[in-house]
């Protein structure tokens, strides 16, 4: 309406003024909008940085907790083996000597032990074939029997080493089975800063360590023999048993060693049979390592009153480890024939070997077959209770994962399902279309695992805990109706 005004008129000036005052706010508004967007962006970036920082701190705390879990025993009834118990379980043990006998061609006598004829348990050293017969030594165990070890070394450093197994075993026994009142005989490891020192000069611990380090065969055999004699005394007098009972659980360092020995003796000689499976298929063999088991036992509070089920249990590692570590009732199912066959052997050895150390495992059971069609599993799932744990290493096909999820419908509330891949999508919502889905009854949280936790990668990752919780479904149905 102002375009017909003449230049220089009063009205024209007014118009210019009005036009200017009108345009200026528009320009300022645009600038302010840009500034506002900038200000809004900066806090978002700040929040992202803050979230990243929080995640770094949380992961550091998780790592610290993980380390603590690997040195903390789960409180449990130890089911300590009575000294007067029937020792028929000892016949089922695969000794270190028997393990080496399976492949003697891969071993040679330990030179620093062979130089001392006294090391040999044999009547006539001169008649021995130095290539096939090795010196051996007995080690008295807490369960009241001994285990025989060859003083031999593997020709390939990657093979099982009986002497190092012996040293690790006797060191753990000195650490975890000797009451402090006998430290003057056996010695004690005292930590000063980051260094460990052995008390009592001339004690058995010091003598064994010194002889081993100096490759003194006679000194080593004499020290182990003295350990056997003294340890046998306090075992018969039940000092060892009483000391074991006074502890709150099996130290992770100890149960990991027992399970590792079991694996070496049963699975080790046949591990090549486990490599003949199609990669990236539902029939791929992989292991969750003991450090992961120790962490799950602590985080999920698995104990003697709980049950643990491993679906796709492989050779039964977790069934044995969780049962020994926590005293829980454990059950595994495996479809592949070779791993399942080895699992039965490993659980048998694991029970006997645990007794060798004076411990009893919780109840263990195993089934060879398809877990999606297992009547025994269906019954156990229906009888599961609050706090029970199901582990699924679900590197499976989408179809198999879907079939697995249908098993969850039988579970009671507060049963937990641990998996390496999420069953519940992050964007899952309960709707009319999904309210009857097995996923609708799950609530999911995550956790970190770290390098050395699984066999198929040297990196860390994320695991998932799904808790059965029907409250969200009940609330949705209540609101709908």
Protein backbone atom coordinates (compact mmCIF):
# COMPACT_ATOMS: atom_id res chain seq x y z
CA UNK A 1 0.00 0.00 0.00
CA UNK A 2 3.05 2.22 0.33
CA UNK A 3 4.44 1.80 -3.15
CA UNK A 4 2.60 4.85 -4.59
CA UNK A 5 3.96 7.36 -2.07
CA UNK A 6 6.19 10.00 -3.50
CA UNK A 7 9.80 10.22 -2.46
CA UNK A 8 10.53 12.96 0.08
CA UNK A 9 7.01 13.28 1.48
CA UNK A 10 6.31 13.10 5.20
CA UNK A 11 4.36 10.01 4.72
CA UNK A 12 7.28 8.50 2.84
CA UNK A 13 9.58 9.12 5.76
CA UNK A 14 7.13 7.55 8.04
CA UNK A 15 6.87 4.60 5.77
CA UNK A 16 10.64 4.18 5.72
CA UNK A 17 10.68 4.30 9.46
CA UNK A 18 7.90 1.76 9.71
CA UNK A 19 9.51 -0.43 7.12
CA UNK A 20 12.81 -0.31 8.93
CA UNK A 21 11.29 -1.11 12.27
CA UNK A 22 9.44 -3.97 10.68
CA UNK A 23 12.44 -5.45 8.85
CA UNK A 24 14.83 -5.17 11.74
CA UNK A 25 12.96 -7.52 14.04
CA UNK A 26 12.71 -10.08 11.23
CA UNK A 27 16.47 -9.98 10.68
CA UNK A 28 17.14 -10.19 14.42
CA UNK A 29 14.75 -13.08 14.75
CA UNK A 30 16.63 -15.04 12.11
CA UNK A 31 19.93 -14.43 13.86
CA UNK A 32 18.43 -15.30 17.21
CA UNK A 33 17.00 -18.49 15.77
CA UNK A 34 20.42 -19.44 14.44
CA UNK A 35 22.01 -18.63 17.78
CA UNK A 36 19.35 -20.61 19.58
CA UNK A 37 19.97 -23.61 17.38
CA UNK A 38 23.68 -23.27 18.10
CA UNK A 39 23.06 -23.11 21.83
CA UNK A 40 20.74 -26.08 21.64
CA UNK A 41 23.37 -28.05 19.72
CA UNK A 42 26.17 -27.35 22.19
CA UNK A 43 24.45 -28.83 25.23
CA UNK A 44 23.58 -31.90 23.15
CA UNK A 45 27.22 -32.29 22.20
CA UNK A 46 28.15 -31.73 25.79
CA UNK A 47 25.71 -34.37 26.89
CA UNK A 48 27.14 -36.81 24.34
CA UNK A 49 30.62 -36.16 25.66
CA UNK A 50 29.33 -36.51 29.18
CA UNK A 51 27.60 -39.80 28.29
CA UNK A 52 30.82 -41.10 26.74
CA UNK A 53 32.73 -40.13 29.84
CA UNK A 54 30.17 -41.84 32.03
CA UNK A 55 30.44 -44.97 29.90
CA UNK A 56 34.23 -44.98 30.25
CA UNK A 57 33.92 -44.66 34.03
CA UNK A 58 31.26 -47.39 34.17
CA UNK A 59 33.42 -49.73 32.10
CA UNK A 60 36.40 -49.09 34.37
CA UNK A 61 34.21 -49.90 37.38
CA UNK A 62 32.94 -53.03 35.64
CA UNK A 63 36.53 -54.09 34.94
CA UNK A 64 37.43 -53.58 38.59
CA UNK A 65 34.38 -55.60 39.65
CA UNK A 66 35.31 -58.31 37.14
CA UNK A 67 38.79 -58.64 38.65
CA UNK A 68 37.34 -58.79 42.16
CA UNK A 69 34.87 -61.49 41.12
CA UNK A 70 37.75 -63.62 39.86
CA UNK A 71 39.28 -63.67 43.35
CA UNK A 72 36.12 -63.93 45.47
CA UNK A 73 34.64 -67.26 46.51
CA UNK A 74 30.89 -67.78 46.35
CA UNK A 75 29.47 -68.61 49.75
CA UNK A 76 28.37 -72.23 49.66
CA UNK A 77 28.17 -75.45 51.61
CA UNK A 78 31.43 -77.09 50.65
CA UNK A 79 30.15 -80.70 50.93
CA UNK A 80 33.64 -81.58 52.12
CA UNK A 81 34.60 -85.21 51.55
CA UNK A 82 34.80 -87.15 54.80
CA UNK A 83 38.18 -88.75 55.47
CA UNK A 84 36.42 -92.08 56.08
CA UNK A 85 34.40 -91.93 52.87
CA UNK A 86 34.53 -94.72 50.33
CA UNK A 87 37.32 -93.89 47.88
CA UNK A 88 35.78 -95.67 44.88
CA UNK A 89 35.71 -92.32 43.08
CA UNK A 90 39.53 -92.46 42.94
CA UNK A 91 39.30 -95.23 40.33
CA UNK A 92 37.63 -92.80 37.90
CA UNK A 93 40.43 -90.25 38.02
CA UNK A 94 42.67 -89.80 34.99
CA UNK A 95 46.04 -89.13 36.62
CA UNK A 96 48.76 -86.94 35.19
CA UNK A 97 50.78 -90.09 34.61
CA UNK A 98 47.96 -91.70 32.61
CA UNK A 99 47.59 -88.56 30.51
CA UNK A 100 51.27 -88.65 29.50
CA UNK A 101 51.04 -92.41 28.87
CA UNK A 102 48.55 -91.68 26.09
CA UNK A 103 51.28 -89.97 24.03
CA UNK A 104 54.67 -90.86 25.46
CA UNK A 105 56.34 -90.12 22.12
CA UNK A 106 55.68 -86.42 22.68
CA UNK A 107 57.65 -86.39 25.97
CA UNK A 108 61.17 -86.85 27.19
CA UNK A 109 62.55 -87.38 30.70
CA UNK A 110 63.30 -84.27 32.73
CA UNK A 111 67.09 -84.07 32.59
CA UNK A 112 67.58 -82.35 35.92
CA UNK A 113 65.41 -84.99 37.61
CA UNK A 114 66.86 -87.92 35.66
CA UNK A 115 70.34 -86.98 36.86
CA UNK A 116 69.28 -88.09 40.33
CA UNK A 117 68.39 -91.78 40.31
CA UNK A 118 66.61 -91.37 43.57
CA UNK A 119 63.79 -89.60 41.70
CA UNK A 120 62.77 -92.83 40.02
CA UNK A 121 60.06 -95.08 41.35
CA UNK A 122 61.64 -98.19 39.89
CA UNK A 123 63.67 -101.10 41.18
CA UNK A 124 66.42 -101.08 38.61
CA UNK A 125 67.33 -97.81 36.94
CA UNK A 126 69.90 -99.40 34.65
CA UNK A 127 67.25 -101.50 32.88
CA UNK A 128 65.05 -98.51 32.02
CA UNK A 129 64.68 -97.21 28.49
CA UNK A 130 65.40 -93.49 28.88
CA UNK A 131 63.27 -92.69 25.84
CA UNK A 132 60.02 -94.29 27.04
CA UNK A 133 60.21 -94.53 30.84
CA UNK A 134 60.16 -91.42 32.98
CA UNK A 135 60.86 -90.76 36.63
CA UNK A 136 57.66 -90.19 38.60
CA UNK A 137 56.55 -88.77 41.92
CA UNK A 138 53.45 -88.99 44.08
CA UNK A 139 51.61 -85.95 45.43
CA UNK A 140 49.39 -86.39 48.49
CA UNK A 141 45.97 -84.74 47.95
CA UNK A 142 43.37 -83.36 50.40
CA UNK A 143 40.88 -86.12 49.53
CA UNK A 144 43.08 -88.70 51.20
CA UNK A 145 44.66 -90.27 48.11
CA UNK A 146 47.65 -89.31 45.97
CA UNK A 147 48.14 -88.52 42.29
CA UNK A 148 51.16 -89.68 40.33
CA UNK A 149 53.08 -87.27 38.10
CA UNK A 150 55.81 -88.07 35.61
CA UNK A 151 58.87 -85.87 35.88
CA UNK A 152 58.86 -85.44 32.12
CA UNK A 153 58.82 -82.47 29.79
CA UNK A 154 56.91 -82.11 26.50
CA UNK A 155 58.94 -81.95 23.31
CA UNK A 156 56.49 -79.30 22.09
CA UNK A 157 56.10 -76.47 24.59
CA UNK A 158 52.40 -76.17 23.71
CA UNK A 159 51.66 -79.67 25.03
CA UNK A 160 50.63 -80.52 28.57
CA UNK A 161 53.50 -80.13 31.06
CA UNK A 162 53.23 -82.51 34.04
CA UNK A 163 55.95 -80.77 36.07
CA UNK A 164 54.34 -77.35 35.77
CA UNK A 165 50.97 -78.92 36.61
CA UNK A 166 52.57 -80.45 39.70
CA UNK A 167 54.09 -77.13 40.74
CA UNK A 168 50.82 -75.25 40.28
CA UNK A 169 48.96 -77.91 42.24
CA UNK A 170 51.31 -78.01 45.20
CA UNK A 171 51.46 -74.20 45.33
CA UNK A 172 47.66 -73.93 45.43
CA UNK A 173 47.55 -76.57 48.15
CA UNK A 174 50.04 -74.57 50.19
CA UNK A 175 47.95 -71.44 49.60
CA UNK A 176 44.47 -72.81 50.37
CA UNK A 177 44.68 -75.97 52.51
CA UNK A 178 47.22 -75.23 55.24
CA UNK A 179 45.97 -73.75 58.54
CA UNK A 180 48.07 -70.83 59.76
CA UNK A 181 49.05 -72.84 62.84
CA UNK A 182 51.23 -75.01 60.57
CA UNK A 183 52.94 -72.14 58.73
CA UNK A 184 56.22 -72.84 60.53
CA UNK A 185 56.33 -76.21 58.73
CA UNK A 186 54.83 -75.41 55.35
CA UNK A 187 55.57 -71.68 55.07
CA UNK A 188 53.29 -68.79 54.16
CA UNK A 189 53.24 -66.27 51.36
CA UNK A 190 53.26 -62.72 52.70
CA UNK A 191 52.62 -59.78 50.35
CA UNK A 192 54.64 -56.62 50.86
CA UNK A 193 53.61 -54.06 48.27
CA UNK A 194 53.57 -55.85 44.94
CA UNK A 195 56.07 -58.53 46.01
CA UNK A 196 55.41 -61.87 47.74
CA UNK A 197 57.83 -63.27 50.28
CA UNK A 198 57.93 -66.73 51.82
CA UNK A 199 58.19 -66.77 55.56
CA UNK A 200 60.27 -69.27 57.53
CA UNK A 201 63.61 -70.14 56.01
CA UNK A 202 63.84 -73.89 55.46
CA UNK A 203 60.05 -74.37 55.28
CA UNK A 204 58.62 -76.79 52.72
CA UNK A 205 57.29 -74.08 50.44
CA UNK A 206 60.69 -72.41 50.25
CA UNK A 207 62.49 -75.69 49.63
CA UNK A 208 60.17 -76.72 46.78
CA UNK A 209 60.42 -73.33 45.10
CA UNK A 210 64.20 -73.16 45.47
CA UNK A 211 64.77 -76.69 44.17
CA UNK A 212 62.51 -76.10 41.17
CA UNK A 213 64.16 -72.78 40.31
CA UNK A 214 67.65 -74.25 40.65
CA UNK A 215 66.75 -77.45 38.77
CA UNK A 216 67.85 -79.48 41.78
CA UNK A 217 66.22 -82.86 41.19
CA UNK A 218 67.14 -84.47 44.51
CA UNK A 219 66.18 -81.39 46.50
CA UNK A 220 62.88 -81.16 44.64
CA UNK A 221 61.92 -84.81 45.25
CA UNK A 222 62.99 -84.62 48.91
CA UNK A 223 60.92 -81.45 49.47
CA UNK A 224 57.80 -82.92 47.81
CA UNK A 225 58.23 -86.13 49.83
CA UNK A 226 58.40 -84.11 53.04
CA UNK A 227 55.30 -82.19 51.96
CA UNK A 228 53.47 -85.48 51.46
CA UNK A 229 54.44 -86.76 54.90
CA UNK A 230 53.51 -83.58 56.78
CA UNK A 231 50.34 -82.97 54.77
CA UNK A 232 49.22 -86.56 55.33
CA UNK A 233 49.56 -86.02 59.09
CA UNK A 234 47.35 -82.95 59.27
CA UNK A 235 44.87 -84.50 56.84
CA UNK A 236 44.43 -87.61 59.01
CA UNK A 237 44.00 -85.41 62.07
CA UNK A 238 41.27 -83.53 60.11
CA UNK A 239 43.04 -80.16 60.46
CA UNK A 240 42.74 -79.75 56.68
CA UNK A 241 39.07 -80.68 56.65
CA UNK A 242 38.24 -78.29 59.50
CA UNK A 243 40.14 -75.51 57.78
CA UNK A 244 38.26 -76.13 54.52
CA UNK A 245 34.93 -76.01 56.33
CA UNK A 246 35.88 -72.70 57.97
CA UNK A 247 36.22 -71.11 54.55
CA UNK A 248 33.14 -69.58 52.94
CA UNK A 249 33.58 -71.24 49.56
CA UNK A 250 35.97 -72.62 46.98
CA UNK A 251 38.46 -69.89 45.93
CA UNK A 252 38.16 -69.17 42.19
CA UNK A 253 41.88 -69.81 41.72
CA UNK A 254 41.32 -73.31 43.08
CA UNK A 255 38.12 -74.33 41.27
CA UNK A 256 39.51 -72.95 38.03
CA UNK A 257 42.58 -75.14 38.50
CA UNK A 258 40.50 -78.24 39.23
CA UNK A 259 38.37 -77.63 36.14
CA UNK A 260 41.42 -76.88 34.03
CA UNK A 261 43.02 -80.17 35.10
CA UNK A 262 39.80 -81.98 34.25
CA UNK A 263 39.71 -80.38 30.80
CA UNK A 264 43.38 -81.23 30.17
CA UNK A 265 42.86 -84.87 30.99
CA UNK A 266 39.56 -85.47 29.17
CA UNK A 267 39.18 -82.89 26.42
CA UNK A 268 42.83 -82.09 25.71
CA UNK A 269 43.71 -85.39 23.98
CA UNK A 270 40.60 -85.11 21.77
CA UNK A 271 40.36 -81.39 21.20
CA UNK A 272 41.12 -81.82 17.48
CA UNK A 273 37.75 -83.60 17.15
CA UNK A 274 36.00 -80.37 18.10
CA UNK A 275 37.32 -78.41 15.15
CA UNK A 276 35.38 -80.23 12.44
CA UNK A 277 32.30 -78.04 12.45
CA UNK A 278 31.05 -75.50 9.95
CA UNK A 279 32.08 -71.98 10.93
CA UNK A 280 29.34 -69.36 11.46
CA UNK A 281 26.69 -72.05 11.73
CA UNK A 282 24.50 -73.07 14.67
CA UNK A 283 26.86 -76.04 15.16
CA UNK A 284 30.01 -74.08 15.96
CA UNK A 285 32.00 -75.01 19.05
CA UNK A 286 33.19 -72.24 21.35
CA UNK A 287 33.93 -71.84 25.03
CA UNK A 288 32.99 -69.32 27.69
CA UNK A 289 36.03 -69.06 29.93
CA UNK A 290 36.17 -69.49 33.74
CA UNK A 291 36.66 -65.76 34.38
CA UNK A 292 33.26 -65.15 32.80
CA UNK A 293 31.73 -67.90 34.96
CA UNK A 294 33.18 -66.37 38.15
CA UNK A 295 31.71 -62.98 37.21
CA UNK A 296 28.25 -64.37 36.43
CA UNK A 297 28.21 -66.36 39.68
CA UNK A 298 28.78 -63.17 41.66
CA UNK A 299 26.58 -60.79 39.67
CA UNK A 300 23.60 -63.16 39.49
CA UNK A 301 24.09 -64.46 43.04
CA UNK A 302 24.15 -68.11 41.98
CA UNK A 303 24.49 -70.36 44.99
CA UNK A 304 23.56 -73.77 46.42
CA UNK A 305 19.82 -73.05 46.35
CA UNK A 306 19.85 -72.09 42.66
CA UNK A 307 19.81 -74.08 39.45
CA UNK A 308 21.87 -73.34 36.36
CA UNK A 309 21.01 -74.54 32.86
CA UNK A 310 23.35 -74.33 29.88
CA UNK A 311 21.66 -74.64 26.48
CA UNK A 312 24.19 -75.65 23.87
CA UNK A 313 26.52 -76.85 26.61
CA UNK A 314 29.30 -78.19 24.38
CA UNK A 315 31.66 -80.40 26.38
CA UNK A 316 30.06 -79.44 29.69
CA UNK A 317 32.61 -76.89 30.90
CA UNK A 318 30.10 -74.51 32.44
CA UNK A 319 28.04 -77.28 33.99
CA UNK A 320 31.10 -78.43 35.94
CA UNK A 321 32.51 -75.00 36.70
CA UNK A 322 29.29 -73.47 38.00
CA UNK A 323 28.45 -76.54 40.07
CA UNK A 324 31.88 -76.66 41.74
CA UNK A 325 32.17 -72.90 42.20
CA UNK A 326 28.71 -72.30 43.65
CA UNK A 327 27.32 -75.66 44.79
CA UNK A 328 24.29 -75.12 42.55
CA UNK A 329 22.38 -77.79 40.68
CA UNK A 330 23.50 -77.63 37.05
CA UNK A 331 22.20 -79.13 33.83
CA UNK A 332 23.45 -79.01 30.25
CA UNK A 333 22.03 -79.98 26.85
CA UNK A 334 24.12 -80.47 23.72
CA UNK A 335 22.98 -81.61 20.29
CA UNK A 336 26.35 -82.35 18.64
CA UNK A 337 27.41 -85.95 19.22
CA UNK A 338 31.16 -85.55 19.87
CA UNK A 339 30.97 -82.66 22.37
CA UNK A 340 28.09 -84.37 24.19
CA UNK A 341 30.07 -87.62 24.45
CA UNK A 342 33.05 -85.73 25.86
CA UNK A 343 30.79 -83.86 28.28
CA UNK A 344 29.70 -87.06 30.01
CA UNK A 345 33.36 -88.04 30.42
CA UNK A 346 34.33 -84.61 31.69
CA UNK A 347 31.57 -84.46 34.31
CA UNK A 348 32.58 -87.92 35.56
CA UNK A 349 36.22 -86.83 35.84
CA UNK A 350 35.16 -83.50 37.36
CA UNK A 351 33.21 -85.17 40.17
CA UNK A 352 36.11 -87.48 40.98
CA UNK A 353 38.77 -84.78 40.70
CA UNK A 354 36.80 -82.45 42.96
CA UNK A 355 36.73 -85.27 45.53
CA UNK A 356 40.48 -85.62 45.09
CA UNK A 357 40.73 -82.08 46.48
CA UNK A 358 38.24 -82.88 49.23
CA UNK A 359 35.27 -81.09 47.65
CA UNK A 360 31.97 -82.29 46.28
CA UNK A 361 30.22 -80.59 43.39
CA UNK A 362 26.56 -79.70 43.36
CA UNK A 363 24.22 -82.00 41.50
CA UNK A 364 25.15 -82.25 37.81
CA UNK A 365 23.12 -83.63 34.93
CA UNK A 366 23.58 -83.69 31.16
CA UNK A 367 21.59 -84.67 28.10
CA UNK A 368 22.60 -85.31 24.51
CA UNK A 369 19.92 -84.01 22.17
CA UNK A 370 18.02 -81.07 20.73
CA UNK A 371 17.10 -78.66 23.52
CA UNK A 372 14.06 -77.50 21.57
CA UNK A 373 12.64 -81.05 21.83
CA UNK A 374 13.89 -82.15 25.24
CA UNK A 375 11.25 -83.38 27.69
CA UNK A 376 13.79 -83.29 30.50
CA UNK A 377 14.59 -79.65 29.75
CA UNK A 378 10.90 -78.73 29.49
CA UNK A 379 10.34 -80.18 32.95
CA UNK A 380 13.34 -78.36 34.43
CA UNK A 381 12.23 -75.05 32.90
CA UNK A 382 8.74 -75.48 34.32
CA UNK A 383 10.27 -76.17 37.75
CA UNK A 384 12.66 -73.22 37.59
CA UNK A 385 12.40 -70.70 40.39
CA UNK A 386 13.28 -67.12 41.24
CA UNK A 387 16.99 -66.51 40.75
CA UNK A 388 17.61 -69.59 38.60
CA UNK A 389 19.83 -68.89 35.58
CA UNK A 390 19.73 -70.12 31.99
CA UNK A 391 22.75 -69.46 29.78
CA UNK A 392 22.47 -69.46 26.00
CA UNK A 393 25.54 -68.86 23.89
CA UNK A 394 23.17 -67.92 21.08
CA UNK A 395 25.39 -67.66 18.04
CA UNK A 396 22.57 -69.46 16.29
CA UNK A 397 20.44 -68.95 13.20
CA UNK A 398 17.46 -66.59 13.42
CA UNK A 399 15.12 -69.56 13.10
CA UNK A 400 16.74 -71.40 16.01
CA UNK A 401 16.74 -68.25 18.16
CA UNK A 402 13.01 -67.87 17.49
CA UNK A 403 12.40 -71.49 18.54
CA UNK A 404 14.48 -70.87 21.65
CA UNK A 405 12.42 -67.87 22.66
CA UNK A 406 9.31 -70.07 22.79
CA UNK A 407 10.91 -71.95 25.70
CA UNK A 408 10.74 -68.79 27.78
CA UNK A 409 6.94 -69.03 28.07
CA UNK A 410 7.31 -71.84 30.63
CA UNK A 411 9.59 -69.81 32.90
CA UNK A 412 8.49 -68.25 36.16
CA UNK A 413 9.03 -64.58 36.93
CA UNK A 414 12.56 -63.52 38.00
CA UNK A 415 14.28 -66.39 36.20
CA UNK A 416 17.26 -64.93 34.32
CA UNK A 417 18.43 -65.71 30.79
CA UNK A 418 22.02 -64.80 29.94
CA UNK A 419 23.01 -64.58 26.28
CA UNK A 420 25.80 -63.26 24.09
CA UNK A 421 23.30 -61.73 21.68
CA UNK A 422 20.08 -59.94 22.67
CA UNK A 423 16.78 -61.74 22.32
CA UNK A 424 14.91 -58.52 22.99
CA UNK A 425 15.31 -55.80 20.31
CA UNK A 426 16.06 -52.37 21.76
CA UNK A 427 13.03 -50.92 20.00
CA UNK A 428 10.63 -53.63 21.19
CA UNK A 429 7.27 -52.32 22.42
CA UNK A 430 4.25 -54.15 23.76
CA UNK A 431 1.37 -53.71 21.35
CA UNK A 432 -1.70 -55.71 20.39
CA UNK A 433 0.49 -57.48 17.85
CA UNK A 434 3.31 -58.35 20.31
CA UNK A 435 1.55 -58.81 23.65
CA UNK A 436 1.48 -62.61 23.19
CA UNK A 437 5.11 -62.82 22.06
CA UNK A 438 7.61 -64.58 24.37
CA UNK A 439 9.69 -61.40 24.17
CA UNK A 440 6.95 -59.38 25.87
CA UNK A 441 7.71 -61.06 29.21
CA UNK A 442 11.41 -60.12 29.16
CA UNK A 443 13.20 -57.18 30.70
CA UNK A 444 16.77 -56.72 29.47
CA UNK A 445 19.97 -55.24 30.90
CA UNK A 446 23.54 -55.42 29.64
CA UNK A 447 26.99 -56.12 31.00
CA UNK A 448 30.59 -55.97 29.80
CA UNK A 449 32.90 -58.91 29.36
CA UNK A 450 36.61 -58.43 28.85
CA UNK A 451 39.51 -59.98 26.86
CA UNK A 452 40.08 -63.60 27.80
CA UNK A 453 36.39 -64.23 28.56
CA UNK A 454 35.49 -66.27 25.47
CA UNK A 455 37.48 -68.57 23.22
CA UNK A 456 36.42 -67.20 19.83
CA UNK A 457 37.84 -63.69 20.23
CA UNK A 458 40.63 -61.98 22.15
CA UNK A 459 38.49 -58.86 22.54
CA UNK A 460 35.82 -57.90 25.03
CA UNK A 461 32.16 -57.33 24.32
CA UNK A 462 28.64 -57.07 25.69
CA UNK A 463 26.43 -59.74 27.17
CA UNK A 464 22.73 -59.55 27.95
CA UNK A 465 20.66 -60.49 30.99
CA UNK A 466 16.96 -61.03 30.28
CA UNK A 467 14.78 -61.24 33.38
CA UNK A 468 11.35 -62.84 33.08
CA UNK A 469 8.94 -60.14 34.21
CA UNK A 470 5.25 -60.23 33.26
CA UNK A 471 4.33 -56.99 35.01
CA UNK A 472 4.51 -54.92 31.79
CA UNK A 473 2.16 -57.34 30.02
CA UNK A 474 -0.28 -57.27 32.94
CA UNK A 475 -0.24 -53.46 32.97
CA UNK A 476 -0.83 -53.30 29.22
CA UNK A 477 -3.78 -55.70 29.38
CA UNK A 478 -5.24 -53.82 32.36
CA UNK A 479 -5.10 -50.53 30.46
CA UNK A 480 -6.52 -52.07 27.28
CA UNK A 481 -9.48 -53.66 28.98
